[in-house]
């Protein structure tokens, strides 16, 4: 039923029906924004990626084929590609921007005191903790959490066995948690 509704709305979008576009936007924008926030971690960048995804829907609706998958899957693919393009910028332009309390759904940061949630200080601590990892560990964290690659994709592209990839990522996350925890608990200023 939902796929049929999507087909009807997409047909209306092809005829430049703004109301149909608004209905699809309302239906899928929260999910697309969620993906963009997980990949980019910066709300403004994630909102931009979401807007660009729906702009692509408006401009390229004629390219979508319902036989190849659900509309949401196509929108996710567009958003993922946009996010990956943003992340290919030089390292100084893609410093990690995170909200207090999260790092890619895996690392929970709990400030020692409520008043220690200054986003700039948090960003500096996270970047410092990331830089304390070895280059190989940084690469694994970047591939898994910032480039959105699965462990299998990382194993295949790097030629490392899947179990080894999982073990190394877990070890890197443990070091990252420890590095963030000690800096966070000590109340050091960056």
C-alpha atoms as a PDB file:
ATOM      1  CA  UNK A   1       0.000   0.000   0.000  1.00  0.00           C
ATOM      2  CA  UNK A   2       2.757   2.472   0.977  1.00  0.00           C
ATOM      3  CA  UNK A   3       4.705   1.669  -2.194  1.00  0.00           C
ATOM      4  CA  UNK A   4       1.586   2.289  -4.248  1.00  0.00           C
ATOM      5  CA  UNK A   5       1.111   5.647  -2.512  1.00  0.00           C
ATOM      6  CA  UNK A   6       4.749   6.497  -3.255  1.00  0.00           C
ATOM      7  CA  UNK A   7       4.235   5.637  -6.931  1.00  0.00           C
ATOM      8  CA  UNK A   8       1.219   7.898  -7.147  1.00  0.00           C
ATOM      9  CA  UNK A   9       3.024  10.745  -5.388  1.00  0.00           C
ATOM     10  CA  UNK A  10       6.076  10.319  -7.603  1.00  0.00           C
ATOM     11  CA  UNK A  11       3.899  10.451 -10.716  1.00  0.00           C
ATOM     12  CA  UNK A  12       2.434  13.693  -9.428  1.00  0.00           C
ATOM     13  CA  UNK A  13       5.940  15.046  -8.751  1.00  0.00           C
ATOM     14  CA  UNK A  14       6.829  14.282 -12.365  1.00  0.00           C
ATOM     15  CA  UNK A  15       3.947  16.607 -13.260  1.00  0.00           C
ATOM     16  CA  UNK A  16       5.479  19.221 -10.880  1.00  0.00           C
ATOM     17  CA  UNK A  17       2.859  18.834  -8.154  1.00  0.00           C
ATOM     18  CA  UNK A  18       4.323  20.642  -5.147  1.00  0.00           C
ATOM     19  CA  UNK A  19       1.722  19.191  -2.782  1.00  0.00           C
ATOM     20  CA  UNK A  20       2.804  15.643  -3.681  1.00  0.00           C
ATOM     21  CA  UNK A  21       6.403  16.659  -3.090  1.00  0.00           C
ATOM     22  CA  UNK A  22       5.493  18.088   0.316  1.00  0.00           C
ATOM     23  CA  UNK A  23       3.731  14.843   1.253  1.00  0.00           C
ATOM     24  CA  UNK A  24       6.803  12.745   0.365  1.00  0.00           C
ATOM     25  CA  UNK A  25       9.040  15.211   2.153  1.00  0.00           C
ATOM     26  CA  UNK A  26       6.939  15.009   5.326  1.00  0.00           C
ATOM     27  CA  UNK A  27       6.907  11.222   5.089  1.00  0.00           C
ATOM     28  CA  UNK A  28      10.638  10.618   4.538  1.00  0.00           C
ATOM     29  CA  UNK A  29      12.593  13.711   5.635  1.00  0.00           C
ATOM     30  CA  UNK A  30      12.958  12.572   9.278  1.00  0.00           C
ATOM     31  CA  UNK A  31      14.491   9.267   8.160  1.00  0.00           C
ATOM     32  CA  UNK A  32      16.823  10.938   5.678  1.00  0.00           C
ATOM     33  CA  UNK A  33      17.866  13.513   8.288  1.00  0.00           C
ATOM     34  CA  UNK A  34      18.552  10.663  10.718  1.00  0.00           C
ATOM     35  CA  UNK A  35      20.912   8.994   8.253  1.00  0.00           C
ATOM     36  CA  UNK A  36      22.642  12.285   7.454  1.00  0.00           C
ATOM     37  CA  UNK A  37      23.124  13.060  11.162  1.00  0.00           C
ATOM     38  CA  UNK A  38      24.671   9.643  11.774  1.00  0.00           C
ATOM     39  CA  UNK A  39      27.083  10.107   8.905  1.00  0.00           C
ATOM     40  CA  UNK A  40      27.908  13.804   9.251  1.00  0.00           C
ATOM     41  CA  UNK A  41      27.185  14.321  12.965  1.00  0.00           C
ATOM     42  CA  UNK A  42      26.831  18.081  12.398  1.00  0.00           C
ATOM     43  CA  UNK A  43      23.184  19.156  12.378  1.00  0.00           C
ATOM     44  CA  UNK A  44      23.616  21.980   9.849  1.00  0.00           C
ATOM     45  CA  UNK A  45      25.510  19.734   7.416  1.00  0.00           C
ATOM     46  CA  UNK A  46      22.928  16.972   7.907  1.00  0.00           C
ATOM     47  CA  UNK A  47      20.081  19.395   7.205  1.00  0.00           C
ATOM     48  CA  UNK A  48      21.873  20.545   4.042  1.00  0.00           C
ATOM     49  CA  UNK A  49      22.312  16.944   2.903  1.00  0.00           C
ATOM     50  CA  UNK A  50      18.625  16.273   3.563  1.00  0.00           C
ATOM     51  CA  UNK A  51      17.621  19.325   1.537  1.00  0.00           C
ATOM     52  CA  UNK A  52      19.952  18.294  -1.303  1.00  0.00           C
ATOM     53  CA  UNK A  53      18.479  14.768  -1.250  1.00  0.00           C
ATOM     54  CA  UNK A  54      14.975  16.096  -1.741  1.00  0.00           C
ATOM     55  CA  UNK A  55      16.149  18.560  -4.352  1.00  0.00           C
ATOM     56  CA  UNK A  56      17.547  15.562  -6.245  1.00  0.00           C
ATOM     57  CA  UNK A  57      14.161  13.847  -5.884  1.00  0.00           C
ATOM     58  CA  UNK A  58      12.429  16.895  -7.385  1.00  0.00           C
ATOM     59  CA  UNK A  59      14.935  17.251 -10.218  1.00  0.00           C
ATOM     60  CA  UNK A  60      15.568  13.575 -10.984  1.00  0.00           C
ATOM     61  CA  UNK A  61      12.305  11.808 -10.167  1.00  0.00           C
ATOM     62  CA  UNK A  62      12.240  10.511 -13.752  1.00  0.00           C
ATOM     63  CA  UNK A  63      15.342   8.393 -12.996  1.00  0.00           C
ATOM     64  CA  UNK A  64      13.708   6.377 -10.220  1.00  0.00           C
ATOM     65  CA  UNK A  65      12.528   2.836 -11.028  1.00  0.00           C
ATOM     66  CA  UNK A  66      10.111   1.148  -8.605  1.00  0.00           C
ATOM     67  CA  UNK A  67      11.157  -2.282  -9.884  1.00  0.00           C
ATOM     68  CA  UNK A  68      14.650  -1.766  -8.464  1.00  0.00           C
ATOM     69  CA  UNK A  69      13.548  -1.048  -4.889  1.00  0.00           C
ATOM     70  CA  UNK A  70      11.583   1.131  -2.538  1.00  0.00           C
ATOM     71  CA  UNK A  71      11.623   4.898  -2.900  1.00  0.00           C
ATOM     72  CA  UNK A  72      13.065   5.278   0.601  1.00  0.00           C
ATOM     73  CA  UNK A  73      15.995   3.044  -0.403  1.00  0.00           C
ATOM     74  CA  UNK A  74      16.692   5.304  -3.391  1.00  0.00           C
ATOM     75  CA  UNK A  75      16.516   8.397  -1.169  1.00  0.00           C
ATOM     76  CA  UNK A  76      18.882   6.761   1.352  1.00  0.00           C
ATOM     77  CA  UNK A  77      21.351   6.038  -1.457  1.00  0.00           C
ATOM     78  CA  UNK A  78      21.228   9.650  -2.665  1.00  0.00           C
ATOM     79  CA  UNK A  79      21.715  10.949   0.870  1.00  0.00           C
ATOM     80  CA  UNK A  80      24.552   8.517   1.608  1.00  0.00           C
ATOM     81  CA  UNK A  81      26.380   9.562  -1.557  1.00  0.00           C
ATOM     82  CA  UNK A  82      25.935  13.246  -0.718  1.00  0.00           C
ATOM     83  CA  UNK A  83      27.274  12.658   2.790  1.00  0.00           C
ATOM     84  CA  UNK A  84      30.250  10.686   1.497  1.00  0.00           C
ATOM     85  CA  UNK A  85      31.035  13.490  -0.940  1.00  0.00           C
ATOM     86  CA  UNK A  86      31.023  15.966   1.938  1.00  0.00           C
ATOM     87  CA  UNK A  87      33.364  13.731   3.937  1.00  0.00           C
ATOM     88  CA  UNK A  88      35.923  13.563   1.112  1.00  0.00           C
ATOM     89  CA  UNK A  89      36.958  17.123   1.865  1.00  0.00           C
ATOM     90  CA  UNK A  90      40.453  17.654   3.337  1.00  0.00           C
ATOM     91  CA  UNK A  91      40.908  16.563   6.941  1.00  0.00           C
ATOM     92  CA  UNK A  92      40.927  20.087   8.348  1.00  0.00           C
ATOM     93  CA  UNK A  93      37.502  20.686   6.780  1.00  0.00           C
ATOM     94  CA  UNK A  94      35.991  17.521   8.228  1.00  0.00           C
ATOM     95  CA  UNK A  95      36.930  17.736  11.870  1.00  0.00           C
ATOM     96  CA  UNK A  96      34.381  15.825  13.878  1.00  0.00           C
ATOM     97  CA  UNK A  97      31.395  17.935  14.918  1.00  0.00           C
ATOM     98  CA  UNK A  98      29.409  16.079  17.539  1.00  0.00           C
ATOM     99  CA  UNK A  99      26.640  16.907  19.905  1.00  0.00           C
ATOM    100  CA  UNK A 100      27.321  16.289  23.578  1.00  0.00           C
ATOM    101  CA  UNK A 101      26.455  12.724  24.466  1.00  0.00           C
ATOM    102  CA  UNK A 102      27.029  10.846  21.192  1.00  0.00           C
ATOM    103  CA  UNK A 103      29.667   9.609  18.827  1.00  0.00           C
ATOM    104  CA  UNK A 104      28.255   7.551  16.003  1.00  0.00           C
ATOM    105  CA  UNK A 105      25.789   5.657  18.237  1.00  0.00           C
ATOM    106  CA  UNK A 106      28.632   3.603  19.713  1.00  0.00           C
ATOM    107  CA  UNK A 107      30.596   5.868  22.039  1.00  0.00           C
ATOM    108  CA  UNK A 108      28.590   7.511  24.754  1.00  0.00           C
ATOM    109  CA  UNK A 109      30.078  10.605  26.279  1.00  0.00           C
ATOM    110  CA  UNK A 110      28.812  11.586  29.660  1.00  0.00           C
ATOM    111  CA  UNK A 111      30.225  14.864  30.920  1.00  0.00           C
ATOM    112  CA  UNK A 112      31.361  14.821  34.540  1.00  0.00           C
ATOM    113  CA  UNK A 113      29.406  18.008  35.258  1.00  0.00           C
ATOM    114  CA  UNK A 114      26.368  19.474  33.528  1.00  0.00           C
ATOM    115  CA  UNK A 115      28.215  22.701  32.791  1.00  0.00           C
ATOM    116  CA  UNK A 116      30.842  20.820  30.743  1.00  0.00           C
ATOM    117  CA  UNK A 117      28.753  20.567  27.599  1.00  0.00           C
ATOM    118  CA  UNK A 118      30.395  23.446  25.719  1.00  0.00           C
ATOM    119  CA  UNK A 119      30.323  22.210  22.078  1.00  0.00           C
ATOM    120  CA  UNK A 120      33.706  23.747  21.243  1.00  0.00           C
ATOM    121  CA  UNK A 121      35.431  22.084  24.190  1.00  0.00           C
ATOM    122  CA  UNK A 122      33.691  18.804  23.418  1.00  0.00           C
ATOM    123  CA  UNK A 123      34.775  18.986  19.790  1.00  0.00           C
ATOM    124  CA  UNK A 124      38.369  19.695  20.786  1.00  0.00           C
ATOM    125  CA  UNK A 125      38.409  16.743  23.206  1.00  0.00           C
ATOM    126  CA  UNK A 126      36.961  14.364  20.652  1.00  0.00           C
ATOM    127  CA  UNK A 127      39.428  15.450  17.986  1.00  0.00           C
ATOM    128  CA  UNK A 128      42.288  15.123  20.479  1.00  0.00           C
ATOM    129  CA  UNK A 129      41.156  11.615  21.421  1.00  0.00           C
ATOM    130  CA  UNK A 130      40.873  10.642  17.758  1.00  0.00           C
ATOM    131  CA  UNK A 131      44.358  11.991  17.033  1.00  0.00           C
ATOM    132  CA  UNK A 132      45.766   9.912  19.909  1.00  0.00           C
ATOM    133  CA  UNK A 133      44.817   6.741  18.005  1.00  0.00           C
ATOM    134  CA  UNK A 134      47.292   5.192  15.582  1.00  0.00           C
ATOM    135  CA  UNK A 135      46.868   6.001  11.895  1.00  0.00           C
ATOM    136  CA  UNK A 136      45.508   2.488  11.269  1.00  0.00           C
ATOM    137  CA  UNK A 137      42.975   2.861  14.103  1.00  0.00           C
ATOM    138  CA  UNK A 138      41.914   6.310  12.897  1.00  0.00           C
ATOM    139  CA  UNK A 139      41.422   4.860   9.420  1.00  0.00           C
ATOM    140  CA  UNK A 140      39.224   2.033  10.724  1.00  0.00           C
ATOM    141  CA  UNK A 141      37.104   4.405  12.825  1.00  0.00           C
ATOM    142  CA  UNK A 142      36.764   6.775   9.883  1.00  0.00           C
ATOM    143  CA  UNK A 143      35.733   3.986   7.504  1.00  0.00           C
ATOM    144  CA  UNK A 144      33.284   2.385   9.916  1.00  0.00           C
ATOM    145  CA  UNK A 145      31.636   5.439  11.419  1.00  0.00           C
ATOM    146  CA  UNK A 146      32.240   8.426   9.215  1.00  0.00           C
ATOM    147  CA  UNK A 147      32.274   6.803   5.771  1.00  0.00           C
ATOM    148  CA  UNK A 148      29.449   4.429   6.670  1.00  0.00           C
ATOM    149  CA  UNK A 149      31.232   1.259   5.535  1.00  0.00           C
ATOM    150  CA  UNK A 150      30.247  -2.094   6.989  1.00  0.00           C
ATOM    151  CA  UNK A 151      32.855  -4.315   8.608  1.00  0.00           C
ATOM    152  CA  UNK A 152      32.600  -6.613   5.577  1.00  0.00           C
ATOM    153  CA  UNK A 153      33.272  -3.726   3.184  1.00  0.00           C
ATOM    154  CA  UNK A 154      36.300  -2.672   5.213  1.00  0.00           C
ATOM    155  CA  UNK A 155      37.626  -6.232   5.269  1.00  0.00           C
ATOM    156  CA  UNK A 156      37.211  -6.583   1.531  1.00  0.00           C
ATOM    157  CA  UNK A 157      38.790  -3.227   0.652  1.00  0.00           C
ATOM    158  CA  UNK A 158      41.716  -3.623   3.059  1.00  0.00           C
ATOM    159  CA  UNK A 159      42.383  -7.337   2.561  1.00  0.00           C
ATOM    160  CA  UNK A 160      42.136  -7.910   6.325  1.00  0.00           C
ATOM    161  CA  UNK A 161      40.051 -10.855   7.609  1.00  0.00           C
ATOM    162  CA  UNK A 162      36.593  -9.846   8.829  1.00  0.00           C
ATOM    163  CA  UNK A 163      37.227 -11.061  12.388  1.00  0.00           C
ATOM    164  CA  UNK A 164      40.429  -9.024  12.557  1.00  0.00           C
ATOM    165  CA  UNK A 165      38.606  -5.913  11.346  1.00  0.00           C
ATOM    166  CA  UNK A 166      35.965  -6.352  14.052  1.00  0.00           C
ATOM    167  CA  UNK A 167      38.600  -6.924  16.746  1.00  0.00           C
ATOM    168  CA  UNK A 168      40.656  -3.888  15.686  1.00  0.00           C
ATOM    169  CA  UNK A 169      37.606  -1.618  15.559  1.00  0.00           C
ATOM    170  CA  UNK A 170      36.515  -2.792  19.012  1.00  0.00           C
ATOM    171  CA  UNK A 171      40.033  -2.142  20.363  1.00  0.00           C
ATOM    172  CA  UNK A 172      40.134   1.330  18.751  1.00  0.00           C
ATOM    173  CA  UNK A 173      36.731   2.172  20.250  1.00  0.00           C
ATOM    174  CA  UNK A 174      37.922   1.022  23.655  1.00  0.00           C
ATOM    175  CA  UNK A 175      41.002   3.291  23.384  1.00  0.00           C
ATOM    176  CA  UNK A 176      38.809   6.146  22.214  1.00  0.00           C
ATOM    177  CA  UNK A 177      36.401   5.678  25.120  1.00  0.00           C
ATOM    178  CA  UNK A 178      39.305   5.517  27.544  1.00  0.00           C
ATOM    179  CA  UNK A 179      40.917   8.637  26.059  1.00  0.00           C
ATOM    180  CA  UNK A 180      37.658  10.527  26.181  1.00  0.00           C
ATOM    181  CA  UNK A 181      36.824   9.219  29.632  1.00  0.00           C
ATOM    182  CA  UNK A 182      40.075  10.280  31.252  1.00  0.00           C
ATOM    183  CA  UNK A 183      39.983  13.752  29.687  1.00  0.00           C
ATOM    184  CA  UNK A 184      36.291  14.082  30.430  1.00  0.00           C
ATOM    185  CA  UNK A 185      36.488  12.950  34.043  1.00  0.00           C
ATOM    186  CA  UNK A 186      39.547  15.030  34.888  1.00  0.00           C
ATOM    187  CA  UNK A 187      37.830  18.255  33.838  1.00  0.00           C
ATOM    188  CA  UNK A 188      40.937  19.363  31.944  1.00  0.00           C
ATOM    189  CA  UNK A 189      40.590  22.376  29.733  1.00  0.00           C
ATOM    190  CA  UNK A 190      41.728  22.022  26.167  1.00  0.00           C
END
